[in-house]
């Protein structure tokens, strides 16, 4: 999307999450409703809304079962975390705690967990280059 602002990682990574999500649905023939939860980590509040909007433009409504690890961990109002935190840390923390318990309690039986990331360094942003994003998904089913 041409995002160059290193403080806007949610916007930089949301397109990669969408690409992975669309590829997964195409490869498997599944739709968003197949999963009890679709979780990214970490797009934060900003990237979460962007992903929802972009998915809608492609004909996928993910609002009812989609959330983001950064949104689940951090309190936007109390901690002023509009963009969340570290994707790999958020995914690992939310999965090994909250999501694993939901699976154990059989409240969730099918989860699509997508770790998101940015392929950037300090030199890239100093040179004004756009930030490439990446996303990997794992489907977890009981």
N, C-alpha and C. Protein backbone atom coordinates (compact mmCIF):
# COMPACT_ATOMS: atom_id res chain seq x y z
N UNK A 1 0.82 -1.21 0.00
CA UNK A 1 0.00 0.00 0.00
C UNK A 1 0.85 1.26 0.00
N UNK A 2 2.14 1.10 0.01
CA UNK A 2 3.01 2.26 -0.04
C UNK A 2 3.20 2.96 1.30
N UNK A 3 2.91 2.27 2.40
CA UNK A 3 3.07 2.87 3.73
C UNK A 3 4.56 3.04 4.02
N UNK A 4 4.94 4.26 4.39
CA UNK A 4 6.34 4.55 4.67
C UNK A 4 6.57 4.93 6.13
N UNK A 5 5.50 5.12 6.86
CA UNK A 5 5.57 5.56 8.26
C UNK A 5 5.78 4.35 9.17
N UNK A 6 6.94 4.27 9.80
CA UNK A 6 7.26 3.15 10.68
C UNK A 6 6.37 3.11 11.93
N UNK A 7 5.61 4.18 12.17
CA UNK A 7 4.68 4.20 13.29
C UNK A 7 3.29 3.74 12.88
N UNK A 8 3.15 3.27 11.66
CA UNK A 8 1.85 2.82 11.16
C UNK A 8 1.96 1.39 10.64
N UNK A 9 2.46 0.51 11.48
CA UNK A 9 2.71 -0.87 11.06
C UNK A 9 1.42 -1.64 10.76
N UNK A 10 0.33 -1.33 11.44
CA UNK A 10 -0.94 -2.00 11.16
C UNK A 10 -1.36 -1.80 9.72
N UNK A 11 -1.23 -0.58 9.24
CA UNK A 11 -1.58 -0.27 7.84
C UNK A 11 -0.59 -0.93 6.89
N UNK A 12 0.66 -1.00 7.26
CA UNK A 12 1.68 -1.62 6.41
C UNK A 12 1.47 -3.13 6.29
N UNK A 13 1.01 -3.77 7.36
CA UNK A 13 0.89 -5.24 7.38
C UNK A 13 -0.47 -5.75 6.97
N UNK A 14 -1.50 -4.93 7.05
CA UNK A 14 -2.86 -5.37 6.71
C UNK A 14 -2.98 -5.96 5.30
N UNK A 15 -2.34 -5.37 4.28
CA UNK A 15 -2.44 -5.98 2.95
C UNK A 15 -1.86 -7.40 2.88
N UNK A 16 -0.79 -7.64 3.62
CA UNK A 16 -0.21 -8.99 3.65
C UNK A 16 -1.17 -9.96 4.33
N UNK A 17 -1.82 -9.51 5.39
CA UNK A 17 -2.82 -10.35 6.07
C UNK A 17 -3.97 -10.66 5.12
N UNK A 18 -4.42 -9.66 4.37
CA UNK A 18 -5.49 -9.90 3.41
C UNK A 18 -5.06 -10.90 2.34
N UNK A 19 -3.87 -10.73 1.81
CA UNK A 19 -3.36 -11.64 0.78
C UNK A 19 -3.31 -13.08 1.29
N UNK A 20 -2.82 -13.27 2.50
CA UNK A 20 -2.76 -14.61 3.09
C UNK A 20 -4.16 -15.16 3.33
N UNK A 21 -5.04 -14.33 3.83
CA UNK A 21 -6.42 -14.74 4.09
C UNK A 21 -7.12 -15.17 2.80
N UNK A 22 -7.00 -14.36 1.74
CA UNK A 22 -7.63 -14.69 0.46
C UNK A 22 -7.03 -15.96 -0.15
N UNK A 23 -5.72 -16.11 -0.05
CA UNK A 23 -5.07 -17.32 -0.57
C UNK A 23 -5.55 -18.56 0.18
N UNK A 24 -5.71 -18.42 1.49
CA UNK A 24 -6.19 -19.55 2.30
C UNK A 24 -7.61 -19.94 1.89
N UNK A 25 -8.48 -18.97 1.77
CA UNK A 25 -9.86 -19.26 1.38
C UNK A 25 -9.91 -19.88 -0.02
N UNK A 26 -9.11 -19.36 -0.93
CA UNK A 26 -9.08 -19.91 -2.29
C UNK A 26 -8.54 -21.34 -2.30
N UNK A 27 -7.44 -21.56 -1.58
CA UNK A 27 -6.81 -22.89 -1.55
C UNK A 27 -7.69 -23.95 -0.90
N UNK A 28 -8.40 -23.56 0.15
CA UNK A 28 -9.18 -24.53 0.92
C UNK A 28 -10.66 -24.58 0.54
N UNK A 29 -11.13 -23.56 -0.15
CA UNK A 29 -12.55 -23.48 -0.47
C UNK A 29 -13.40 -23.08 0.73
N UNK A 30 -12.75 -22.63 1.79
CA UNK A 30 -13.46 -22.22 3.01
C UNK A 30 -13.85 -20.75 2.94
N UNK A 31 -14.75 -20.38 3.82
CA UNK A 31 -15.16 -19.00 3.96
C UNK A 31 -14.88 -18.56 5.39
N UNK A 32 -15.00 -17.28 5.69
CA UNK A 32 -14.75 -16.82 7.07
C UNK A 32 -15.62 -17.54 8.09
N UNK A 33 -16.85 -17.86 7.74
CA UNK A 33 -17.76 -18.49 8.70
C UNK A 33 -17.34 -19.91 9.08
N UNK A 34 -16.41 -20.51 8.35
CA UNK A 34 -15.92 -21.85 8.69
C UNK A 34 -15.23 -21.83 10.06
N UNK A 35 -14.63 -20.71 10.40
CA UNK A 35 -13.83 -20.62 11.64
C UNK A 35 -14.63 -19.99 12.78
N UNK A 36 -14.37 -20.48 13.97
CA UNK A 36 -14.92 -19.85 15.17
C UNK A 36 -14.22 -18.52 15.42
N UNK A 37 -12.94 -18.47 15.06
CA UNK A 37 -12.16 -17.24 15.26
C UNK A 37 -11.09 -17.14 14.19
N UNK A 38 -10.96 -15.94 13.65
CA UNK A 38 -9.85 -15.57 12.77
C UNK A 38 -9.10 -14.51 13.53
N UNK A 39 -7.83 -14.76 13.78
CA UNK A 39 -7.05 -13.88 14.65
C UNK A 39 -5.76 -13.47 13.94
N UNK A 40 -5.47 -12.18 13.93
CA UNK A 40 -4.19 -11.70 13.44
C UNK A 40 -3.36 -11.23 14.61
N UNK A 41 -2.09 -11.07 14.38
CA UNK A 41 -1.22 -10.54 15.42
C UNK A 41 0.05 -9.98 14.81
N UNK A 42 0.23 -8.80 14.86
CA UNK A 42 -0.54 -7.79 15.56
C UNK A 42 -0.76 -6.62 14.63
N UNK A 43 -2.00 -6.42 14.23
CA UNK A 43 -2.34 -5.26 13.42
C UNK A 43 -2.83 -4.11 14.27
N UNK A 44 -3.22 -4.39 15.50
CA UNK A 44 -3.74 -3.35 16.38
C UNK A 44 -5.09 -2.85 15.89
N UNK A 45 -5.59 -1.84 16.55
CA UNK A 45 -6.91 -1.28 16.20
C UNK A 45 -6.91 -0.70 14.79
N UNK A 46 -5.84 -0.02 14.43
CA UNK A 46 -5.76 0.62 13.12
C UNK A 46 -5.78 -0.42 12.01
N UNK A 47 -4.86 -1.36 12.07
CA UNK A 47 -4.76 -2.39 11.04
C UNK A 47 -5.96 -3.32 11.00
N UNK A 48 -6.56 -3.58 12.17
CA UNK A 48 -7.74 -4.43 12.22
C UNK A 48 -8.86 -3.83 11.37
N UNK A 49 -9.11 -2.56 11.55
CA UNK A 49 -10.18 -1.89 10.78
C UNK A 49 -9.86 -1.87 9.29
N UNK A 50 -8.60 -1.67 8.96
CA UNK A 50 -8.18 -1.67 7.56
C UNK A 50 -8.41 -3.05 6.95
N UNK A 51 -8.04 -4.11 7.66
CA UNK A 51 -8.23 -5.47 7.15
C UNK A 51 -9.71 -5.78 6.95
N UNK A 52 -10.54 -5.39 7.90
CA UNK A 52 -11.99 -5.62 7.76
C UNK A 52 -12.52 -4.94 6.50
N UNK A 53 -12.12 -3.69 6.30
CA UNK A 53 -12.58 -2.94 5.12
C UNK A 53 -12.07 -3.55 3.82
N UNK A 54 -10.79 -3.94 3.80
CA UNK A 54 -10.23 -4.52 2.58
C UNK A 54 -10.86 -5.87 2.27
N UNK A 55 -11.13 -6.67 3.30
CA UNK A 55 -11.77 -7.97 3.08
C UNK A 55 -13.16 -7.78 2.50
N UNK A 56 -13.88 -6.77 2.98
CA UNK A 56 -15.22 -6.49 2.45
C UNK A 56 -15.18 -6.14 0.97
N UNK A 57 -14.14 -5.41 0.55
CA UNK A 57 -14.04 -5.05 -0.87
C UNK A 57 -13.79 -6.29 -1.74
N UNK A 58 -13.32 -7.36 -1.14
CA UNK A 58 -13.08 -8.62 -1.87
C UNK A 58 -14.23 -9.60 -1.69
N UNK A 59 -15.29 -9.16 -1.00
CA UNK A 59 -16.48 -9.99 -0.84
C UNK A 59 -16.48 -10.87 0.39
N UNK A 60 -15.61 -10.60 1.35
CA UNK A 60 -15.54 -11.40 2.57
C UNK A 60 -15.90 -10.55 3.79
N UNK A 61 -16.88 -11.00 4.54
CA UNK A 61 -17.25 -10.32 5.78
C UNK A 61 -16.64 -11.10 6.94
N UNK A 62 -15.65 -10.49 7.59
CA UNK A 62 -14.96 -11.16 8.70
C UNK A 62 -15.29 -10.53 10.05
N UNK A 63 -16.20 -9.57 10.06
CA UNK A 63 -16.49 -8.81 11.29
C UNK A 63 -16.92 -9.69 12.47
N UNK A 64 -17.72 -10.70 12.22
CA UNK A 64 -18.32 -11.44 13.33
C UNK A 64 -17.35 -12.36 14.07
N UNK A 65 -16.30 -12.81 13.40
CA UNK A 65 -15.41 -13.77 14.07
C UNK A 65 -13.94 -13.38 13.97
N UNK A 66 -13.65 -12.14 13.63
CA UNK A 66 -12.27 -11.69 13.49
C UNK A 66 -11.87 -10.80 14.66
N UNK A 67 -10.63 -11.00 15.12
CA UNK A 67 -10.06 -10.12 16.13
C UNK A 67 -8.56 -10.09 15.94
N UNK A 68 -7.90 -9.29 16.71
CA UNK A 68 -6.46 -9.12 16.62
C UNK A 68 -5.83 -9.27 17.99
N UNK A 69 -4.69 -9.93 18.03
CA UNK A 69 -4.02 -10.19 19.31
C UNK A 69 -3.68 -8.91 20.06
N UNK A 70 -3.21 -7.90 19.36
CA UNK A 70 -2.89 -6.63 20.02
C UNK A 70 -4.12 -5.98 20.61
N UNK A 71 -5.24 -6.10 19.93
CA UNK A 71 -6.50 -5.57 20.44
C UNK A 71 -6.93 -6.33 21.69
N UNK A 72 -6.71 -7.65 21.67
CA UNK A 72 -7.09 -8.48 22.81
C UNK A 72 -6.20 -8.25 24.03
N UNK A 73 -4.93 -7.97 23.82
CA UNK A 73 -3.99 -7.81 24.93
C UNK A 73 -4.05 -6.42 25.56
N UNK A 74 -4.03 -5.41 24.71
CA UNK A 74 -3.88 -4.05 25.20
C UNK A 74 -5.21 -3.33 25.33
N UNK A 75 -5.29 -2.43 26.30
CA UNK A 75 -6.45 -1.57 26.51
C UNK A 75 -6.15 -0.24 25.82
N UNK A 76 -6.82 0.00 24.71
CA UNK A 76 -6.57 1.18 23.88
C UNK A 76 -6.67 2.48 24.67
N UNK A 77 -7.67 2.59 25.51
CA UNK A 77 -7.90 3.84 26.24
C UNK A 77 -6.91 4.03 27.39
N UNK A 78 -6.70 2.98 28.18
CA UNK A 78 -5.83 3.11 29.35
C UNK A 78 -4.35 3.13 28.97
N UNK A 79 -3.98 2.42 27.89
CA UNK A 79 -2.57 2.29 27.54
C UNK A 79 -2.18 3.08 26.29
N UNK A 80 -3.13 3.73 25.64
CA UNK A 80 -2.88 4.52 24.44
C UNK A 80 -2.13 3.69 23.38
N UNK A 81 -2.66 2.51 23.13
CA UNK A 81 -2.02 1.59 22.17
C UNK A 81 -2.91 1.42 20.95
N UNK A 82 -2.96 2.41 20.13
CA UNK A 82 -3.80 2.37 18.93
C UNK A 82 -3.28 1.36 17.92
N UNK A 83 -2.00 1.12 17.94
CA UNK A 83 -1.41 0.24 16.95
C UNK A 83 -0.96 -1.09 17.52
N UNK A 84 -1.08 -1.34 18.78
CA UNK A 84 -0.74 -2.65 19.35
C UNK A 84 0.70 -2.77 19.77
N UNK A 85 1.25 -3.98 19.60
CA UNK A 85 2.61 -4.27 20.03
C UNK A 85 3.28 -5.21 19.06
N UNK A 86 4.18 -6.01 19.55
CA UNK A 86 4.93 -6.95 18.70
C UNK A 86 4.05 -8.09 18.23
N UNK A 87 4.01 -8.32 16.91
CA UNK A 87 3.17 -9.37 16.34
C UNK A 87 3.51 -10.76 16.83
N UNK A 88 4.80 -11.10 16.80
CA UNK A 88 5.16 -12.46 17.20
C UNK A 88 4.90 -12.68 18.69
N UNK A 89 5.15 -11.68 19.49
CA UNK A 89 4.89 -11.81 20.93
C UNK A 89 3.39 -11.88 21.20
N UNK A 90 2.63 -11.03 20.52
CA UNK A 90 1.17 -11.03 20.72
C UNK A 90 0.55 -12.35 20.30
N UNK A 91 0.94 -12.87 19.14
CA UNK A 91 0.38 -14.15 18.67
C UNK A 91 0.69 -15.28 19.64
N UNK A 92 1.93 -15.36 20.04
CA UNK A 92 2.33 -16.43 20.96
C UNK A 92 1.63 -16.33 22.30
N UNK A 93 1.53 -15.12 22.81
CA UNK A 93 0.89 -14.91 24.11
C UNK A 93 -0.60 -15.21 24.06
N UNK A 94 -1.27 -14.68 23.06
CA UNK A 94 -2.72 -14.88 22.96
C UNK A 94 -3.04 -16.35 22.66
N UNK A 95 -2.24 -16.98 21.79
CA UNK A 95 -2.53 -18.38 21.49
C UNK A 95 -2.27 -19.27 22.70
N UNK A 96 -1.11 -19.13 23.32
CA UNK A 96 -0.77 -20.04 24.41
C UNK A 96 -1.60 -19.79 25.67
N UNK A 97 -2.21 -18.66 25.77
CA UNK A 97 -3.07 -18.36 26.91
C UNK A 97 -4.53 -18.47 26.54
N UNK A 98 -5.08 -17.40 26.06
CA UNK A 98 -6.51 -17.28 25.79
C UNK A 98 -7.03 -18.30 24.77
N UNK A 99 -6.44 -18.37 23.59
CA UNK A 99 -6.97 -19.25 22.54
C UNK A 99 -6.85 -20.73 22.89
N UNK A 100 -5.74 -21.10 23.51
CA UNK A 100 -5.56 -22.49 23.90
C UNK A 100 -6.63 -22.91 24.91
N UNK A 101 -6.93 -22.02 25.85
CA UNK A 101 -7.99 -22.32 26.82
C UNK A 101 -9.34 -22.45 26.14
N UNK A 102 -9.60 -21.59 25.16
CA UNK A 102 -10.86 -21.67 24.42
C UNK A 102 -10.97 -23.01 23.67
N UNK A 103 -9.85 -23.49 23.15
CA UNK A 103 -9.84 -24.80 22.49
C UNK A 103 -10.05 -25.92 23.51
N UNK A 104 -9.37 -25.84 24.63
CA UNK A 104 -9.52 -26.86 25.68
C UNK A 104 -10.96 -26.94 26.18
N UNK A 105 -11.58 -25.79 26.32
CA UNK A 105 -12.96 -25.74 26.81
C UNK A 105 -13.97 -26.00 25.70
N UNK A 106 -13.47 -26.23 24.49
CA UNK A 106 -14.29 -26.51 23.31
C UNK A 106 -15.24 -25.36 22.95
N UNK A 107 -14.87 -24.15 23.38
CA UNK A 107 -15.63 -22.96 22.97
C UNK A 107 -15.25 -22.58 21.54
N UNK A 108 -14.01 -22.89 21.17
CA UNK A 108 -13.53 -22.76 19.80
C UNK A 108 -13.09 -24.15 19.34
N UNK A 109 -13.46 -24.50 18.13
CA UNK A 109 -13.02 -25.77 17.55
C UNK A 109 -12.19 -25.57 16.29
N UNK A 110 -12.32 -24.37 15.71
CA UNK A 110 -11.59 -24.06 14.48
C UNK A 110 -11.09 -22.62 14.55
N UNK A 111 -9.78 -22.47 14.49
CA UNK A 111 -9.16 -21.15 14.56
C UNK A 111 -8.22 -20.98 13.37
N UNK A 112 -8.25 -19.81 12.78
CA UNK A 112 -7.24 -19.43 11.79
C UNK A 112 -6.40 -18.34 12.44
N UNK A 113 -5.15 -18.64 12.71
CA UNK A 113 -4.24 -17.72 13.39
C UNK A 113 -3.22 -17.21 12.38
N UNK A 114 -3.16 -15.90 12.22
CA UNK A 114 -2.23 -15.30 11.25
C UNK A 114 -1.26 -14.37 11.95
N UNK A 115 0.00 -14.74 11.91
CA UNK A 115 1.05 -13.86 12.44
C UNK A 115 1.43 -12.88 11.34
N UNK A 116 1.45 -11.61 11.68
CA UNK A 116 1.80 -10.58 10.71
C UNK A 116 3.12 -9.95 11.09
N UNK A 117 3.81 -9.43 10.11
CA UNK A 117 5.09 -8.80 10.37
C UNK A 117 5.45 -7.80 9.30
N UNK A 118 6.45 -7.00 9.59
CA UNK A 118 6.96 -6.02 8.64
C UNK A 118 8.42 -6.34 8.37
N UNK A 119 8.77 -6.32 7.12
CA UNK A 119 10.15 -6.60 6.72
C UNK A 119 10.87 -5.26 6.56
N UNK A 120 11.28 -4.74 7.67
CA UNK A 120 11.85 -3.39 7.67
C UNK A 120 13.03 -3.30 8.62
N UNK A 121 13.75 -2.22 8.50
CA UNK A 121 14.83 -1.90 9.42
C UNK A 121 14.95 -0.38 9.47
N UNK A 122 15.81 0.12 10.29
CA UNK A 122 15.90 1.57 10.47
C UNK A 122 16.37 2.27 9.19
N UNK A 123 17.19 1.62 8.41
CA UNK A 123 17.69 2.22 7.17
C UNK A 123 16.56 2.40 6.16
N UNK A 124 15.69 1.41 6.06
CA UNK A 124 14.58 1.47 5.10
C UNK A 124 13.72 2.70 5.35
N UNK A 125 13.33 2.92 6.60
CA UNK A 125 12.47 4.07 6.90
C UNK A 125 13.22 5.38 6.74
N UNK A 126 14.50 5.41 7.05
CA UNK A 126 15.28 6.63 6.88
C UNK A 126 15.40 7.01 5.40
N UNK A 127 15.38 6.00 4.53
CA UNK A 127 15.48 6.25 3.09
C UNK A 127 14.12 6.54 2.47
N UNK A 128 13.05 6.49 3.28
CA UNK A 128 11.72 6.81 2.79
C UNK A 128 11.10 5.73 1.93
N UNK A 129 11.57 4.51 2.06
CA UNK A 129 11.01 3.42 1.28
C UNK A 129 9.76 2.86 1.95
N UNK A 130 8.87 2.26 1.16
CA UNK A 130 7.66 1.68 1.74
C UNK A 130 8.01 0.43 2.53
N UNK A 131 7.13 0.08 3.46
CA UNK A 131 7.36 -1.03 4.37
C UNK A 131 6.64 -2.27 3.84
N UNK A 132 7.39 -3.30 3.45
CA UNK A 132 6.72 -4.53 3.01
C UNK A 132 6.23 -5.33 4.21
N UNK A 133 5.04 -5.93 4.06
CA UNK A 133 4.48 -6.74 5.13
C UNK A 133 4.50 -8.21 4.77
N UNK A 134 4.31 -9.04 5.77
CA UNK A 134 4.27 -10.48 5.57
C UNK A 134 3.26 -11.07 6.56
N UNK A 135 2.64 -12.16 6.18
CA UNK A 135 1.69 -12.83 7.07
C UNK A 135 1.73 -14.33 6.81
N UNK A 136 1.70 -15.09 7.88
CA UNK A 136 1.67 -16.54 7.81
C UNK A 136 0.44 -17.01 8.57
N UNK A 137 -0.24 -18.01 8.04
CA UNK A 137 -1.45 -18.50 8.70
C UNK A 137 -1.32 -19.97 9.06
N UNK A 138 -1.95 -20.31 10.15
CA UNK A 138 -2.04 -21.71 10.57
C UNK A 138 -3.48 -21.96 10.98
N UNK A 139 -4.05 -23.01 10.43
CA UNK A 139 -5.42 -23.42 10.79
C UNK A 139 -5.30 -24.46 11.89
N UNK A 140 -6.01 -24.23 12.98
CA UNK A 140 -5.98 -25.13 14.14
C UNK A 140 -7.40 -25.65 14.34
N UNK A 141 -7.53 -26.98 14.30
CA UNK A 141 -8.87 -27.57 14.43
C UNK A 141 -8.83 -28.72 15.41
N UNK A 142 -9.89 -28.85 16.18
CA UNK A 142 -10.05 -29.99 17.08
C UNK A 142 -10.66 -31.13 16.32
